Amino acid sequence: MLIKPQRLDDSNFNDYGWAVRKPGRSVDVENDQLAYWDNMADLSNFTGNGLIGFLEVKKVSIKMEMMDILPESLRVYLSVDGKPSIQFVALNDPATSEPDLASLKAFLLEDGDGVVIRENVWHWTPYALTEKACFAMALRKDIMDFSSGECVIDAEKVKYFNLPEAVGVDLA
């Protein structure tokens, strides 16, 4: 299945979370040195329990076969290098606890765009459209445990779903 990615804007990501980009609204504070837009996204879900990691994604074929969901945590991807990428998201179907494939969308992140994905929204790691793309990734501290020297993911805090068919994008 191929889907056409949408360019991220201030409103088309609202069902899935928040777009983090230069807003198309008036600035909240401006002076000779800076312009500041307040309240871009609500991170209160972290309740003092958040962390930021550095994520580097490498260019691979855009063929999404699996999605994951964090029932209790936001996930944040903020571009640190401005390289373009594709972000897939889908709403959760409460009747099946699986992705609602009718709501599946791909978003083109470019020019430093980032997203805050709401808890209980299906998604996958961004796909780089260049050799690599780098992100600051934020989520709750209790999702991944590295204390053993390996990454252990709490199966109650992250759920995975194998898609019935791979999903790609039509970039034409």
Protein backbone atom coordinates (compact mmCIF):
# COMPACT_ATOMS: atom_id res chain seq x y z
CA MET A 1 0.00 0.00 0.00
CA LEU A 2 1.28 3.49 -0.88
CA ILE A 3 0.06 6.67 0.74
CA LYS A 4 0.80 10.27 -0.17
CA PRO A 5 2.56 12.14 2.65
CA GLN A 6 1.11 15.46 3.78
CA ARG A 7 3.25 18.48 4.50
CA LEU A 8 3.07 19.15 8.23
CA ASP A 9 1.22 22.32 9.16
CA ASP A 10 -0.15 23.90 12.33
CA SER A 11 -3.41 21.93 12.27
CA ASN A 12 -3.24 18.72 10.21
CA PHE A 13 -1.42 16.73 12.93
CA ASN A 14 -3.88 17.68 15.72
CA ASP A 15 -5.62 14.27 15.89
CA TYR A 16 -2.24 12.60 16.54
CA GLY A 17 -0.49 15.18 18.71
CA TRP A 18 1.21 18.52 18.10
CA ALA A 19 3.30 19.89 15.23
CA VAL A 20 6.47 21.56 16.46
CA ARG A 21 7.51 24.06 13.84
CA LYS A 22 7.53 27.80 13.31
CA PRO A 23 3.85 28.62 13.88
CA GLY A 24 1.65 30.40 11.40
CA ARG A 25 0.31 32.64 14.17
CA SER A 26 1.50 35.87 15.74
CA VAL A 27 4.54 35.76 17.96
CA ASP A 28 4.05 35.86 21.76
CA VAL A 29 7.29 37.70 22.62
CA GLU A 30 9.56 39.57 20.24
CA ASN A 31 12.49 41.92 20.63
CA ASP A 32 15.70 42.80 18.76
CA GLN A 33 17.26 39.44 19.65
CA LEU A 34 14.44 36.87 19.51
CA ALA A 35 10.94 35.85 18.58
CA TYR A 36 9.19 33.35 20.89
CA TRP A 37 5.96 31.39 20.44
CA ASP A 38 4.70 29.94 23.72
CA ASN A 39 2.86 26.69 24.49
CA MET A 40 3.68 24.69 21.35
CA ALA A 41 2.85 21.32 22.95
CA ASP A 42 1.58 19.97 26.27
CA LEU A 43 4.26 17.79 27.88
CA SER A 44 2.52 17.40 31.25
CA ASN A 45 2.20 13.66 30.51
CA PHE A 46 5.87 13.28 31.49
CA THR A 47 5.00 14.30 35.11
CA GLY A 48 8.66 14.93 35.92
CA ASN A 49 9.54 11.51 34.48
CA GLY A 50 10.73 12.44 30.98
CA LEU A 51 14.04 12.08 29.22
CA ILE A 52 15.62 13.17 25.95
CA GLY A 53 17.78 10.88 23.84
CA PHE A 54 19.55 11.44 20.54
CA LEU A 55 18.17 9.44 17.61
CA GLU A 56 19.92 9.03 14.27
CA VAL A 57 17.86 7.31 11.58
CA LYS A 58 19.50 6.02 8.43
CA LYS A 59 17.97 6.02 4.98
CA VAL A 60 16.32 2.68 4.26
CA SER A 61 13.53 1.69 1.91
CA ILE A 62 10.27 3.21 3.17
CA LYS A 63 8.42 -0.01 3.80
CA MET A 64 6.71 0.16 7.18
CA GLU A 65 5.71 -3.32 8.32
CA MET A 66 5.10 -2.64 12.00
CA MET A 67 3.82 0.11 14.28
CA ASP A 68 4.11 0.68 18.01
CA ILE A 69 2.02 2.48 20.60
CA LEU A 70 2.89 3.90 24.00
CA PRO A 71 -0.40 3.73 25.94
CA GLU A 72 0.84 6.00 28.74
CA SER A 73 3.53 8.21 27.19
CA LEU A 74 3.98 10.89 24.62
CA ARG A 75 6.81 10.42 22.14
CA VAL A 76 8.58 13.47 20.77
CA TYR A 77 10.74 13.68 17.64
CA LEU A 78 12.44 17.09 17.20
CA SER A 79 14.74 17.47 14.20
CA VAL A 80 18.20 18.66 15.18
CA ASP A 81 19.64 18.76 11.66
CA GLY A 82 16.66 19.92 9.57
CA LYS A 83 16.89 16.90 7.25
CA PRO A 84 13.60 15.70 5.70
CA SER A 85 11.89 12.56 6.93
CA ILE A 86 8.55 10.76 6.89
CA GLN A 87 6.50 10.17 10.06
CA PHE A 88 3.70 7.60 10.03
CA VAL A 89 0.84 7.77 12.55
CA ALA A 90 -2.55 6.10 13.04
CA LEU A 91 -5.24 6.44 15.67
CA ASN A 92 -5.95 3.55 18.02
CA ASP A 93 -9.13 1.57 17.35
CA PRO A 94 -10.60 1.18 20.86
CA ALA A 95 -12.63 -1.88 19.83
CA THR A 96 -9.54 -3.87 18.77
CA SER A 97 -6.62 -1.98 20.38
CA GLU A 98 -5.01 -2.07 16.92
CA PRO A 99 -4.18 0.74 14.49
CA ASP A 100 -7.22 2.23 12.77
CA LEU A 101 -5.83 1.84 9.24
CA ALA A 102 -8.44 4.27 7.87
CA SER A 103 -6.70 6.98 9.94
CA LEU A 104 -3.16 6.01 8.84
CA LYS A 105 -1.26 9.05 7.57
CA ALA A 106 2.27 9.90 6.56
CA PHE A 107 3.65 13.37 7.26
CA LEU A 108 6.62 15.02 5.58
CA LEU A 109 8.85 16.59 8.21
CA GLU A 110 11.26 19.14 6.75
CA ASP A 111 13.13 22.33 7.60
CA GLY A 112 13.43 21.43 11.28
CA ASP A 113 9.85 20.21 11.78
CA GLY A 114 9.14 18.03 14.77
CA VAL A 115 6.16 16.23 16.25
CA VAL A 116 4.81 15.37 19.67
CA ILE A 117 2.83 12.14 19.31
CA ARG A 118 0.05 11.74 21.86
CA GLU A 119 -0.07 8.73 24.14
CA ASN A 120 -2.15 5.90 22.66
CA VAL A 121 -1.39 6.85 19.02
CA TRP A 122 0.24 4.24 16.76
CA HIS A 123 3.46 5.31 15.03
CA TRP A 124 6.88 4.19 13.90
CA THR A 125 10.34 5.73 13.93
CA PRO A 126 10.72 8.44 11.25
CA TYR A 127 12.13 7.40 7.87
CA ALA A 128 15.05 9.54 6.65
CA LEU A 129 14.79 10.89 3.11
CA THR A 130 18.51 11.68 3.03
CA GLU A 131 21.48 9.54 4.08
CA LYS A 132 20.52 10.16 7.71
CA ALA A 133 18.33 12.41 9.85
CA CYS A 134 18.91 13.26 13.51
CA PHE A 135 16.35 13.91 16.23
CA ALA A 136 16.11 14.73 19.88
CA MET A 137 13.66 12.06 21.04
CA ALA A 138 11.76 12.48 24.29
CA LEU A 139 9.61 9.97 26.17
CA ARG A 140 8.97 8.79 29.71
CA LYS A 141 11.98 7.33 31.55
CA ASP A 142 10.21 4.09 32.41
CA ILE A 143 9.79 2.93 28.79
CA MET A 144 13.32 1.63 28.18
CA ASP A 145 15.74 0.18 30.73
CA PHE A 146 19.48 0.12 29.96
CA SER A 147 20.65 -0.97 33.43
CA SER A 148 21.64 -4.46 32.20
CA GLY A 149 23.78 -2.99 29.41
CA GLU A 150 21.09 -3.84 26.84
CA CYS A 151 17.86 -2.10 25.94
CA VAL A 152 14.92 -3.78 27.66
CA ILE A 153 11.49 -2.41 26.71
CA ASP A 154 8.63 -2.83 29.15
CA ALA A 155 6.01 -4.89 27.24
CA GLU A 156 3.20 -3.19 29.18
CA LYS A 157 4.41 0.27 28.17
CA VAL A 158 5.04 -0.38 24.45
CA LYS A 159 2.80 -2.51 22.24
CA TYR A 160 3.69 -3.62 18.70
CA PHE A 161 1.48 -4.47 15.74
CA ASN A 162 2.50 -6.21 12.51
CA LEU A 163 0.65 -4.53 9.65
CA PRO A 164 -1.35 -6.77 7.26
CA GLU A 165 0.69 -5.32 4.37
CA ALA A 166 3.74 -3.08 4.17
CA VAL A 167 3.09 0.64 3.78
CA GLY A 168 5.22 2.94 1.66
CA VAL A 169 4.86 6.50 0.43
CA ASP A 170 4.24 8.06 -2.95
CA LEU A 171 6.72 10.94 -3.10
CA ALA A 172 5.83 11.90 -6.68
